[in-house]
C-alpha atoms as a PDB file:
ATOM      1  CA  MET A   1       0.061  -0.055   0.066  1.00  0.00           C
ATOM      2  CA  ALA A   2       2.860   2.422   0.839  1.00  0.00           C
ATOM      3  CA  ALA A   3       4.457   1.436  -2.478  1.00  0.00           C
ATOM      4  CA  ALA A   4       1.295   2.249  -4.243  1.00  0.00           C
ATOM      5  CA  ASP A   5       1.140   5.754  -2.388  1.00  0.00           C
ATOM      6  CA  ASP A   6       4.772   6.236  -3.487  1.00  0.00           C
ATOM      7  CA  ARG A   7       3.986   5.641  -7.108  1.00  0.00           C
ATOM      8  CA  THR A   8       0.945   7.868  -6.857  1.00  0.00           C
ATOM      9  CA  GLY A   9       2.939  10.732  -5.175  1.00  0.00           C
ATOM     10  CA  THR A  10       5.519  10.299  -7.908  1.00  0.00           C
ATOM     11  CA  ASP A  11       2.833  10.394 -10.693  1.00  0.00           C
ATOM     12  CA  CYS A  12       1.270  13.482  -9.088  1.00  0.00           C
ATOM     13  CA  ARG A  13       4.822  15.245  -9.002  1.00  0.00           C
ATOM     14  CA  LYS A  14       5.348  14.405 -12.676  1.00  0.00           C
ATOM     15  CA  GLU A  15       1.947  15.742 -13.643  1.00  0.00           C
ATOM     16  CA  ARG A  16       2.749  18.849 -11.748  1.00  0.00           C
ATOM     17  CA  MET A  17       6.024  19.396 -13.301  1.00  0.00           C
ATOM     18  CA  LYS A  18       4.485  19.222 -16.841  1.00  0.00           C
ATOM     19  CA  GLU A  19       2.580  22.341 -15.901  1.00  0.00           C
ATOM     20  CA  LEU A  20       5.665  24.177 -14.803  1.00  0.00           C
ATOM     21  CA  PHE A  21       8.511  25.905 -16.786  1.00  0.00           C
ATOM     22  CA  SER A  22      12.000  25.685 -16.132  1.00  0.00           C
ATOM     23  CA  ILE A  23      14.093  28.802 -15.364  1.00  0.00           C
ATOM     24  CA  GLY A  24      15.731  28.514 -18.833  1.00  0.00           C
ATOM     25  CA  GLU A  25      12.481  28.336 -20.468  1.00  0.00           C
ATOM     26  CA  VAL A  26      11.110  31.510 -18.571  1.00  0.00           C
ATOM     27  CA  ALA A  27      14.380  33.281 -19.439  1.00  0.00           C
ATOM     28  CA  ALA A  28      14.046  32.597 -22.892  1.00  0.00           C
ATOM     29  CA  PHE A  29      10.323  33.761 -23.058  1.00  0.00           C
ATOM     30  CA  ALA A  30      11.171  36.982 -21.485  1.00  0.00           C
ATOM     31  CA  HIS A  31      14.518  37.559 -23.287  1.00  0.00           C
ATOM     32  CA  ILE A  32      16.496  37.861 -20.015  1.00  0.00           C
ATOM     33  CA  SER A  33      19.269  35.934 -18.386  1.00  0.00           C
ATOM     34  CA  LYS A  34      18.758  33.056 -15.881  1.00  0.00           C
ATOM     35  CA  GLN A  35      20.979  35.086 -13.514  1.00  0.00           C
ATOM     36  CA  THR A  36      18.369  37.864 -13.537  1.00  0.00           C
ATOM     37  CA  LEU A  37      15.467  35.473 -12.513  1.00  0.00           C
ATOM     38  CA  ILE A  38      17.854  33.892  -9.730  1.00  0.00           C
ATOM     39  CA  TYR A  39      18.498  37.502  -8.289  1.00  0.00           C
ATOM     40  CA  TYR A  40      14.791  38.299  -8.508  1.00  0.00           C
ATOM     41  CA  ASP A  41      14.091  35.184  -6.329  1.00  0.00           C
ATOM     42  CA  GLN A  42      16.930  36.076  -3.812  1.00  0.00           C
ATOM     43  CA  ILE A  43      15.548  39.479  -3.271  1.00  0.00           C
ATOM     44  CA  GLY A  44      12.042  38.257  -3.083  1.00  0.00           C
ATOM     45  CA  LEU A  45      10.649  40.096  -5.930  1.00  0.00           C
ATOM     46  CA  PHE A  46       9.784  37.031  -8.283  1.00  0.00           C
ATOM     47  CA  PRO A  47      10.120  33.654  -6.430  1.00  0.00           C
ATOM     48  CA  PRO A  48       9.403  30.378  -8.381  1.00  0.00           C
ATOM     49  CA  ALA A  49       6.370  28.491  -7.912  1.00  0.00           C
ATOM     50  CA  PHE A  50       8.418  25.440  -7.056  1.00  0.00           C
ATOM     51  CA  THR A  51      11.954  24.588  -6.243  1.00  0.00           C
ATOM     52  CA  ASP A  52      13.111  21.073  -6.443  1.00  0.00           C
ATOM     53  CA  PRO A  53      14.444  20.099  -2.967  1.00  0.00           C
ATOM     54  CA  LYS A  54      16.769  17.495  -4.530  1.00  0.00           C
ATOM     55  CA  ASN A  55      18.693  19.548  -6.956  1.00  0.00           C
ATOM     56  CA  GLY A  56      17.560  23.276  -6.250  1.00  0.00           C
ATOM     57  CA  TYR A  57      16.187  23.855  -9.686  1.00  0.00           C
ATOM     58  CA  ARG A  58      13.624  26.546  -9.914  1.00  0.00           C
ATOM     59  CA  TYR A  59      10.320  26.123 -11.840  1.00  0.00           C
ATOM     60  CA  TYR A  60       7.493  28.784 -12.651  1.00  0.00           C
ATOM     61  CA  SER A  61       4.033  28.289 -13.354  1.00  0.00           C
ATOM     62  CA  SER A  62       2.076  29.573 -16.480  1.00  0.00           C
ATOM     63  CA  ALA A  63       0.325  32.016 -14.090  1.00  0.00           C
ATOM     64  CA  GLN A  64       3.411  33.721 -13.155  1.00  0.00           C
ATOM     65  CA  LEU A  65       4.310  34.760 -16.631  1.00  0.00           C
ATOM     66  CA  ASP A  66       1.984  37.706 -16.643  1.00  0.00           C
ATOM     67  CA  LEU A  67       3.630  38.846 -13.256  1.00  0.00           C
ATOM     68  CA  LEU A  68       7.028  38.665 -14.777  1.00  0.00           C
ATOM     69  CA  ASP A  69       5.693  40.727 -17.813  1.00  0.00           C
ATOM     70  CA  THR A  70       4.405  43.374 -15.377  1.00  0.00           C
ATOM     71  CA  ILE A  71       7.928  43.365 -13.586  1.00  0.00           C
ATOM     72  CA  LEU A  72       9.633  43.878 -16.750  1.00  0.00           C
ATOM     73  CA  LEU A  73       7.343  46.575 -18.083  1.00  0.00           C
ATOM     74  CA  LEU A  74       7.575  48.593 -15.048  1.00  0.00           C
ATOM     75  CA  LYS A  75      11.259  48.267 -15.002  1.00  0.00           C
ATOM     76  CA  ARG A  76      11.238  49.588 -18.600  1.00  0.00           C
ATOM     77  CA  CYS A  77       9.239  52.521 -17.258  1.00  0.00           C
ATOM     78  CA  GLY A  78      12.140  53.405 -15.032  1.00  0.00           C
ATOM     79  CA  LEU A  79      11.138  52.084 -11.712  1.00  0.00           C
ATOM     80  CA  SER A  80      13.636  50.548  -9.337  1.00  0.00           C
ATOM     81  CA  LEU A  81      13.342  47.108  -8.214  1.00  0.00           C
ATOM     82  CA  ASN A  82      12.392  48.460  -4.719  1.00  0.00           C
ATOM     83  CA  ALA A  83       9.521  50.642  -6.289  1.00  0.00           C
ATOM     84  CA  ILE A  84       8.341  47.564  -8.438  1.00  0.00           C
ATOM     85  CA  ARG A  85       7.890  45.479  -5.279  1.00  0.00           C
ATOM     86  CA  GLN A  86       5.986  48.103  -3.481  1.00  0.00           C
ATOM     87  CA  GLN A  87       3.737  48.792  -6.340  1.00  0.00           C
ATOM     88  CA  LEU A  88       3.120  45.040  -6.706  1.00  0.00           C
ATOM     89  CA  GLN A  89       2.085  44.872  -3.139  1.00  0.00           C
ATOM     90  CA  THR A  90      -0.368  47.796  -3.262  1.00  0.00           C
ATOM     91  CA  ARG A  91      -1.313  48.352  -6.836  1.00  0.00           C
ATOM     92  CA  THR A  92      -4.754  49.756  -7.414  1.00  0.00           C
ATOM     93  CA  LEU A  93      -6.231  51.635 -10.310  1.00  0.00           C
ATOM     94  CA  LYS A  94      -5.677  54.894  -8.548  1.00  0.00           C
ATOM     95  CA  SER A  95      -2.223  54.099  -7.294  1.00  0.00           C
ATOM     96  CA  SER A  96      -1.116  52.928 -10.781  1.00  0.00           C
ATOM     97  CA  ASP A  97      -2.365  56.004 -12.359  1.00  0.00           C
ATOM     98  CA  ALA A  98      -0.628  58.192  -9.786  1.00  0.00           C
ATOM     99  CA  LEU A  99       2.680  56.095 -10.505  1.00  0.00           C
ATOM    100  CA  PHE A 100       2.450  56.402 -14.210  1.00  0.00           C
ATOM    101  CA  ALA A 101       1.804  60.328 -13.632  1.00  0.00           C
ATOM    102  CA  ARG A 102       5.129  60.360 -11.773  1.00  0.00           C
ATOM    103  CA  GLN A 103       7.057  58.418 -14.177  1.00  0.00           C
ATOM    104  CA  GLN A 104       5.507  60.708 -17.214  1.00  0.00           C
ATOM    105  CA  ALA A 105       6.788  63.736 -15.308  1.00  0.00           C
ATOM    106  CA  ASP A 106      10.239  62.157 -14.673  1.00  0.00           C
ATOM    107  CA  ILE A 107      10.600  61.092 -18.257  1.00  0.00           C
ATOM    108  CA  GLU A 108       9.674  64.691 -19.586  1.00  0.00           C
ATOM    109  CA  ALA A 109      12.117  66.092 -17.376  1.00  0.00           C
ATOM    110  CA  GLN A 110      14.897  63.685 -18.819  1.00  0.00           C
ATOM    111  CA  ILE A 111      13.565  64.420 -22.451  1.00  0.00           C
ATOM    112  CA  ARG A 112      14.347  68.029 -21.679  1.00  0.00           C
ATOM    113  CA  GLN A 113      17.782  67.040 -20.271  1.00  0.00           C
ATOM    114  CA  LEU A 114      18.648  65.119 -23.169  1.00  0.00           C
ATOM    115  CA  GLN A 115      17.580  67.777 -25.688  1.00  0.00           C
ATOM    116  CA  LEU A 116      19.616  70.372 -23.823  1.00  0.00           C
ATOM    117  CA  LEU A 117      22.566  67.907 -23.805  1.00  0.00           C
ATOM    118  CA  HIS A 118      22.093  67.357 -27.591  1.00  0.00           C
ATOM    119  CA  ALA A 119      22.096  71.016 -28.386  1.00  0.00           C
ATOM    120  CA  ARG A 120      25.351  71.365 -26.367  1.00  0.00           C
ATOM    121  CA  ILE A 121      27.008  68.666 -28.255  1.00  0.00           C
ATOM    122  CA  CYS A 122      25.734  69.841 -31.526  1.00  0.00           C
ATOM    123  CA  ALA A 123      27.209  73.401 -30.783  1.00  0.00           C
ATOM    124  CA  LYS A 124      30.483  71.893 -29.838  1.00  0.00           C
ATOM    125  CA  ARG A 125      30.684  69.694 -33.073  1.00  0.00           C
ATOM    126  CA  LYS A 126      29.858  72.966 -34.970  1.00  0.00           C
ATOM    127  CA  THR A 127      32.860  74.565 -33.439  1.00  0.00           C
ATOM    128  CA  LEU A 128      35.198  71.642 -34.031  1.00  0.00           C
ATOM    129  CA  ALA A 129      34.205  71.106 -37.804  1.00  0.00           C
ATOM    130  CA  PRO A 130      36.283  73.886 -39.470  1.00  0.00           C
ATOM    131  CA  LEU A 131      39.225  72.777 -37.189  1.00  0.00           C
ATOM    132  CA  LEU A 132      39.157  69.336 -38.738  1.00  0.00           C
ATOM    133  CA  LYS A 133      39.470  70.769 -42.418  1.00  0.00           C
ATOM    134  CA  GLU A 134      42.498  72.199 -44.012  1.00  0.00           C
ATOM    135  CA  SER A 135      42.079  75.960 -43.979  1.00  0.00           C
ATOM    136  CA  ASP A 136      44.045  78.558 -45.805  1.00  0.00           C
ATOM    137  CA  ALA A 137      42.485  81.484 -43.688  1.00  0.00           C
ATOM    138  CA  PRO A 138      44.953  83.729 -42.333  1.00  0.00           C
ATOM    139  CA  PRO A 139      45.728  83.502 -38.715  1.00  0.00           C
ATOM    140  CA  ILE A 140      44.908  87.209 -38.095  1.00  0.00           C
ATOM    141  CA  ARG A 141      41.904  88.733 -40.055  1.00  0.00           C
ATOM    142  CA  GLN A 142      39.448  91.594 -39.976  1.00  0.00           C
ATOM    143  CA  THR A 143      35.742  90.472 -40.112  1.00  0.00           C
ATOM    144  CA  VAL A 144      32.337  90.935 -38.872  1.00  0.00           C
ATOM    145  CA  THR A 145      31.196  89.132 -35.761  1.00  0.00           C
ATOM    146  CA  GLN A 146      27.706  87.759 -35.555  1.00  0.00           C
ATOM    147  CA  GLY A 147      27.774  88.525 -31.827  1.00  0.00           C
ATOM    148  CA  HIS A 148      27.836  86.185 -28.752  1.00  0.00           C
ATOM    149  CA  VAL A 149      25.649  85.404 -25.917  1.00  0.00           C
ATOM    150  CA  LEU A 150      27.759  84.951 -22.709  1.00  0.00           C
ATOM    151  CA  LEU A 151      27.148  83.514 -19.273  1.00  0.00           C
ATOM    152  CA  CYS A 152      30.014  85.402 -17.272  1.00  0.00           C
ATOM    153  CA  GLU A 153      31.651  85.259 -13.812  1.00  0.00           C
ATOM    154  CA  PRO A 154      34.295  87.581 -12.586  1.00  0.00           C
ATOM    155  CA  VAL A 155      37.755  86.400 -12.011  1.00  0.00           C
ATOM    156  CA  ASP A 156      39.336  87.269  -8.473  1.00  0.00           C
ATOM    157  CA  PRO A 157      42.738  88.787  -8.295  1.00  0.00           C
ATOM    158  CA  PRO A 158      45.409  88.316  -8.589  1.00  0.00           C
ATOM    159  CA  TYR A 159      44.015  86.787 -11.971  1.00  0.00           C
ATOM    160  CA  GLN A 160      46.145  83.668 -11.948  1.00  0.00           C
ATOM    161  CA  LEU A 161      45.036  80.497 -13.923  1.00  0.00           C
ATOM    162  CA  SER A 162      43.752  78.922 -10.770  1.00  0.00           C
ATOM    163  CA  ASP A 163      41.623  81.965 -10.215  1.00  0.00           C
ATOM    164  CA  ILE A 164      40.216  81.689 -13.780  1.00  0.00           C
ATOM    165  CA  SER A 165      39.644  78.085 -13.190  1.00  0.00           C
ATOM    166  CA  ILE A 166      37.561  78.579 -10.275  1.00  0.00           C
ATOM    167  CA  ALA A 167      35.443  81.558 -11.998  1.00  0.00           C
ATOM    168  CA  THR A 168      34.876  79.016 -14.957  1.00  0.00           C
ATOM    169  CA  LYS A 169      33.643  76.342 -12.600  1.00  0.00           C
ATOM    170  CA  ARG A 170      31.112  78.801 -11.112  1.00  0.00           C
ATOM    171  CA  CYS A 171      29.868  79.460 -14.609  1.00  0.00           C
ATOM    172  CA  PHE A 172      29.530  75.833 -15.209  1.00  0.00           C
ATOM    173  CA  SER A 173      27.673  75.459 -11.886  1.00  0.00           C
ATOM    174  CA  ARG A 174      25.197  78.140 -12.710  1.00  0.00           C
ATOM    175  CA  ALA A 175      24.411  76.820 -16.152  1.00  0.00           C
ATOM    176  CA  PHE A 176      23.770  73.481 -14.927  1.00  0.00           C
ATOM    177  CA  HIS A 177      21.681  74.475 -12.128  1.00  0.00           C
ATOM    178  CA  GLN A 178      19.529  76.946 -14.122  1.00  0.00           C
ATOM    179  CA  GLN A 179      19.611  74.612 -17.112  1.00  0.00           C
ATOM    180  CA  LEU A 180      21.126  76.955 -19.519  1.00  0.00           C
ATOM    181  CA  PRO A 181      21.615  76.195 -23.142  1.00  0.00           C
ATOM    182  CA  ILE A 182      25.491  76.596 -22.840  1.00  0.00           C
ATOM    183  CA  HIS A 183      27.875  75.417 -25.340  1.00  0.00           C
ATOM    184  CA  PHE A 184      30.525  72.959 -24.306  1.00  0.00           C
ATOM    185  CA  GLN A 185      33.156  76.010 -24.625  1.00  0.00           C
ATOM    186  CA  ILE A 186      35.017  78.094 -22.237  1.00  0.00           C
ATOM    187  CA  GLY A 187      36.349  81.489 -22.654  1.00  0.00           C
ATOM    188  CA  VAL A 188      37.770  84.472 -20.795  1.00  0.00           C
ATOM    189  CA  SER A 189      38.072  88.185 -21.441  1.00  0.00           C
ATOM    190  CA  VAL A 190      41.461  90.009 -20.721  1.00  0.00           C
ATOM    191  CA  PRO A 191      41.226  93.817 -20.295  1.00  0.00           C
ATOM    192  CA  LEU A 192      43.069  95.859 -22.972  1.00  0.00           C
ATOM    193  CA  ALA A 193      44.820  97.836 -20.035  1.00  0.00           C
ATOM    194  CA  HIS A 194      46.405  94.358 -18.830  1.00  0.00           C
ATOM    195  CA  LEU A 195      47.471  93.541 -22.465  1.00  0.00           C
ATOM    196  CA  ARG A 196      49.264  96.876 -22.795  1.00  0.00           C
ATOM    197  CA  ASN A 197      51.231  96.171 -19.808  1.00  0.00           C
ATOM    198  CA  ASP A 198      52.294  92.697 -20.845  1.00  0.00           C
ATOM    199  CA  ARG A 199      49.722  90.789 -18.508  1.00  0.00           C
ATOM    200  CA  CYS A 200      48.080  88.952 -21.459  1.00  0.00           C
ATOM    201  CA  MET A 201      47.406  86.040 -19.105  1.00  0.00           C
ATOM    202  CA  GLU A 202      45.441  87.953 -16.524  1.00  0.00           C
ATOM    203  CA  ALA A 203      41.854  87.549 -17.502  1.00  0.00           C
ATOM    204  CA  THR A 204      39.310  89.342 -15.260  1.00  0.00           C
ATOM    205  CA  LEU A 205      36.184  87.680 -16.660  1.00  0.00           C
ATOM    206  CA  ALA A 206      35.435  83.953 -17.376  1.00  0.00           C
ATOM    207  CA  PHE A 207      32.585  83.016 -19.563  1.00  0.00           C
ATOM    208  CA  LEU A 208      30.567  80.404 -21.292  1.00  0.00           C
ATOM    209  CA  PRO A 209      28.952  80.958 -24.768  1.00  0.00           C
ATOM    210  CA  MET A 210      25.235  80.192 -24.905  1.00  0.00           C
ATOM    211  CA  ASP A 211      22.425  79.876 -27.517  1.00  0.00           C
ATOM    212  CA  ALA A 212      21.113  83.218 -28.684  1.00  0.00           C
ATOM    213  CA  SER A 213      17.794  81.972 -27.401  1.00  0.00           C
ATOM    214  CA  ALA A 214      19.171  82.476 -23.844  1.00  0.00           C
ATOM    215  CA  ALA A 215      19.916  86.243 -24.193  1.00  0.00           C
ATOM    216  CA  ALA A 216      17.446  87.049 -21.423  1.00  0.00           C
ATOM    217  CA  HIS A 217      19.602  85.008 -19.036  1.00  0.00           C
ATOM    218  CA  ALA A 218      23.130  86.340 -20.407  1.00  0.00           C
ATOM    219  CA  ASP A 219      25.313  88.490 -18.252  1.00  0.00           C
ATOM    220  CA  LEU A 220      26.933  89.897 -21.443  1.00  0.00           C
ATOM    221  CA  VAL A 221      25.871  90.208 -25.158  1.00  0.00           C
ATOM    222  CA  LEU A 222      28.602  90.907 -27.651  1.00  0.00           C
ATOM    223  CA  PRO A 223      26.941  92.466 -30.503  1.00  0.00           C
ATOM    224  CA  GLU A 224      27.345  92.173 -34.290  1.00  0.00           C
ATOM    225  CA  GLY A 225      30.292  94.362 -35.181  1.00  0.00           C
ATOM    226  CA  THR A 226      33.535  94.961 -37.086  1.00  0.00           C
ATOM    227  CA  CYS A 227      36.428  92.956 -35.151  1.00  0.00           C
ATOM    228  CA  VAL A 228      39.806  91.584 -35.599  1.00  0.00           C
ATOM    229  CA  ILE A 229      40.197  87.871 -34.810  1.00  0.00           C
ATOM    230  CA  GLY A 230      43.408  86.103 -34.140  1.00  0.00           C
ATOM    231  CA  THR A 231      44.001  82.299 -33.844  1.00  0.00           C
ATOM    232  CA  HIS A 232      46.481  81.185 -31.350  1.00  0.00           C
ATOM    233  CA  HIS A 233      47.881  77.550 -31.822  1.00  0.00           C
ATOM    234  CA  GLY A 234      49.747  75.991 -28.973  1.00  0.00           C
ATOM    235  CA  ARG A 235      50.283  76.486 -25.199  1.00  0.00           C
ATOM    236  CA  TYR A 236      48.336  79.177 -23.561  1.00  0.00           C
ATOM    237  CA  ASP A 237      51.564  80.601 -21.765  1.00  0.00           C
ATOM    238  CA  GLN A 238      52.676  81.406 -25.278  1.00  0.00           C
ATOM    239  CA  ILE A 239      49.503  83.173 -26.212  1.00  0.00           C
ATOM    240  CA  HIS A 240      51.448  86.792 -25.831  1.00  0.00           C
ATOM    241  CA  HIS A 241      53.136  86.069 -29.351  1.00  0.00           C
ATOM    242  CA  THR A 242      49.653  86.015 -30.950  1.00  0.00           C
ATOM    243  CA  TYR A 243      48.618  89.089 -29.300  1.00  0.00           C
ATOM    244  CA  ALA A 244      51.653  90.955 -30.578  1.00  0.00           C
ATOM    245  CA  GLN A 245      50.780  89.830 -33.909  1.00  0.00           C
ATOM    246  CA  ILE A 246      47.308  91.050 -33.587  1.00  0.00           C
ATOM    247  CA  PHE A 247      48.470  94.517 -32.488  1.00  0.00           C
ATOM    248  CA  ALA A 248      50.953  94.704 -35.415  1.00  0.00           C
ATOM    249  CA  PHE A 249      48.137  93.863 -37.752  1.00  0.00           C
ATOM    250  CA  CYS A 250      45.688  96.646 -36.392  1.00  0.00           C
ATOM    251  CA  LYS A 251      48.662  99.151 -36.616  1.00  0.00           C
ATOM    252  CA  GLN A 252      49.274  98.153 -40.121  1.00  0.00           C
ATOM    253  CA  GLN A 253      45.632  98.149 -41.001  1.00  0.00           C
ATOM    254  CA  HIS A 254      45.067 101.429 -39.202  1.00  0.00           C
ATOM    255  CA  LEU A 255      42.760  99.844 -36.972  1.00  0.00           C
ATOM    256  CA  THR A 256      41.743 101.092 -33.395  1.00  0.00           C
ATOM    257  CA  ILE A 257      41.129  98.441 -30.822  1.00  0.00           C
ATOM    258  CA  VAL A 258      37.890  99.532 -28.996  1.00  0.00           C
ATOM    259  CA  SER A 259      37.234  96.599 -26.540  1.00  0.00           C
ATOM    260  CA  ASP A 260      38.903  94.265 -24.176  1.00  0.00           C
ATOM    261  CA  SER A 261      39.833  90.808 -25.681  1.00  0.00           C
ATOM    262  CA  TYR A 262      37.496  87.876 -25.787  1.00  0.00           C
ATOM    263  CA  GLU A 263      39.319  84.582 -25.986  1.00  0.00           C
ATOM    264  CA  PHE A 264      37.224  81.495 -27.197  1.00  0.00           C
ATOM    265  CA  CYS A 265      38.929  78.202 -26.456  1.00  0.00           C
ATOM    266  CA  LEU A 266      38.137  76.096 -29.533  1.00  0.00           C
ATOM    267  CA  HIS A 267      40.410  73.163 -28.960  1.00  0.00           C
ATOM    268  CA  ASP A 268      41.448  72.388 -25.274  1.00  0.00           C
ATOM    269  CA  HIS A 269      41.682  70.004 -22.484  1.00  0.00           C
ATOM    270  CA  LEU A 270      38.037  68.835 -23.371  1.00  0.00           C
ATOM    271  CA  THR A 271      39.150  67.701 -26.918  1.00  0.00           C
ATOM    272  CA  GLY A 272      42.816  67.141 -26.798  1.00  0.00           C
ATOM    273  CA  ALA A 273      45.549  65.895 -24.259  1.00  0.00           C
ATOM    274  CA  ASP A 274      48.463  67.649 -26.151  1.00  0.00           C
ATOM    275  CA  GLU A 275      48.700  71.425 -25.222  1.00  0.00           C
ATOM    276  CA  GLN A 276      50.822  72.146 -28.397  1.00  0.00           C
ATOM    277  CA  GLU A 277      47.836  71.421 -30.392  1.00  0.00           C
ATOM    278  CA  TYR A 278      45.455  73.698 -28.478  1.00  0.00           C
ATOM    279  CA  ILE A 279      43.409  76.419 -30.510  1.00  0.00           C
ATOM    280  CA  THR A 280      42.318  79.715 -29.064  1.00  0.00           C
ATOM    281  CA  GLN A 281      40.594  82.380 -30.952  1.00  0.00           C
ATOM    282  CA  ILE A 282      40.998  85.739 -29.815  1.00  0.00           C
ATOM    283  CA  LEU A 283      38.554  88.582 -30.723  1.00  0.00           C
ATOM    284  CA  PHE A 284      38.969  92.416 -30.593  1.00  0.00           C
ATOM    285  CA  TYR A 285      36.274  94.776 -31.670  1.00  0.00           C
ATOM    286  CA  VAL A 286      37.827  97.593 -33.784  1.00  0.00           C
ATOM    287  CA  HIS A 287      37.035 100.859 -35.487  1.00  0.00           C
ATOM    288  CA  THR A 288      38.516 101.833 -38.939  1.00  0.00           C
ATOM    289  CA  ALA A 289      39.999 105.160 -39.239  1.00  0.00           C
ATOM    290  CA  ASP A 290      36.961 106.457 -41.100  1.00  0.00           C
ATOM    291  CA  ALA A 291      34.346 104.713 -38.770  1.00  0.00           C
ATOM    292  CA  THR A 292      31.523 106.784 -37.472  1.00  0.00           C
ATOM    293  CA  ASP A 293      29.365 104.234 -35.675  1.00  0.00           C
ATOM    294  CA  GLY A 294      30.358 102.311 -32.434  1.00  0.00           C
ATOM    295  CA  CYS A 295      30.139  98.539 -31.924  1.00  0.00           C
ATOM    296  CA  GLY A 296      28.692  99.054 -28.183  1.00  0.00           C
ATOM    297  CA  ILE A 297      31.798  97.532 -26.633  1.00  0.00           C
ATOM    298  CA  ASP A 298      34.173  99.966 -24.998  1.00  0.00           C
ATOM    299  CA  ALA A 299      37.722  98.882 -23.806  1.00  0.00           C
ATOM    300  CA  GLY A 300      38.658  98.537 -20.225  1.00  0.00           C
ATOM    301  CA  ALA A 301      41.468 100.743 -20.519  1.00  0.00           C
END
């Protein structure tokens, strides 16, 4: 009789096993790894319907497949595993709607952040594009600038490179906190009075260029106007050579400098490791000898 009972129990167990899926089968159904299912079991999120005491193999019922789909969908919606566990324990129509409303708001915020990041990267690539091409443009030239919208922070004296770095970090901190559309580019302004006294590395203003759409948030808007642009290649501590060339060019062309300098770092530590390859663009507003209109920028001298 006992043997018959054993056979009956074995037969029942076999019938039960036919209704269950192995961990490998469930993993294949859901396109996840077996390790993921094991972890879900270990944290109590999705335990198997049956674990074979002889070998520890996990088996899942067909009724559990929908629950696994729910877990994976909530995970795709951005919920943490702890949040999913809580939702599974308390979910109702009302709580589910509130949950999705929160996730919708979070996703919309992420979209805005990604759009902002996308714009910054596009602006950076636009700056880098001409640097990647062979150019026969002269290193110093007179042109008309289309203007720049700048987020600025003053540099504390004695205006050393460390002071400039701190001011630049304040700029980035403000930009990220206020979610402003800055470009991934840094710059500084050096007073003309400093330049005339061989203090060309003593900038008093650090800035980040921004999209024109952010003009209302700008600390300084450089207008469209006649300017001279010089391109410095190499280490920053050698930039005085380029300034000397700019001053010589302006004298030769009978141009009067009417602004402080604005240095735009086109290729720097963000995009390269070799300081000898760095590229800095220097901008001065100028008047010609017969100019009658101003550019709206006065020199700090």
